[in-house]
Amino acid sequence: MKDDARIGTVLDGRYRIVEPLSKGGMGIIYRAERIPVGRPVAIKFLHALFASHPEARVRFERETRALSKLAHPHCVSIVVAAVDCDSPAANQAVRVTLKLCSPTWLTQPPTT
């Protein structure tokens, strides 16, 4: 994740990518901030290999739609989903912007 071209990039004039948080088999998640309010968010990108693969994109979009319908303390809220056709990092960057949760959120029971 060193020398990552996405760090510092501004998406849609609204989100500045700050740092990578995690990398998995299908994609990478970054910490970002909502400009100009500075609200932290997480942005998940599909790896370029999967972003250019129609079946992987359909699966990602289906999972995004399913997650957007859930409202539960143990589910992360989706802010926006997008496909960047003019992305310099890949031919098409498929991404979803999520509410950024602290690591303690995963270990503590929800408050009601």
Foldseek 3Di string as FASTA:
>chain_A
DPPDPQQQDDPPVFKHFHAWDDADDFWTKTWIATPPVRAIKIKTKGPQVLQPPVVSLVVVVVVVVVLCPDDDLVGWHWDDWDWDCPDPNHNIITMTITHDDDPVSVVDDDDD
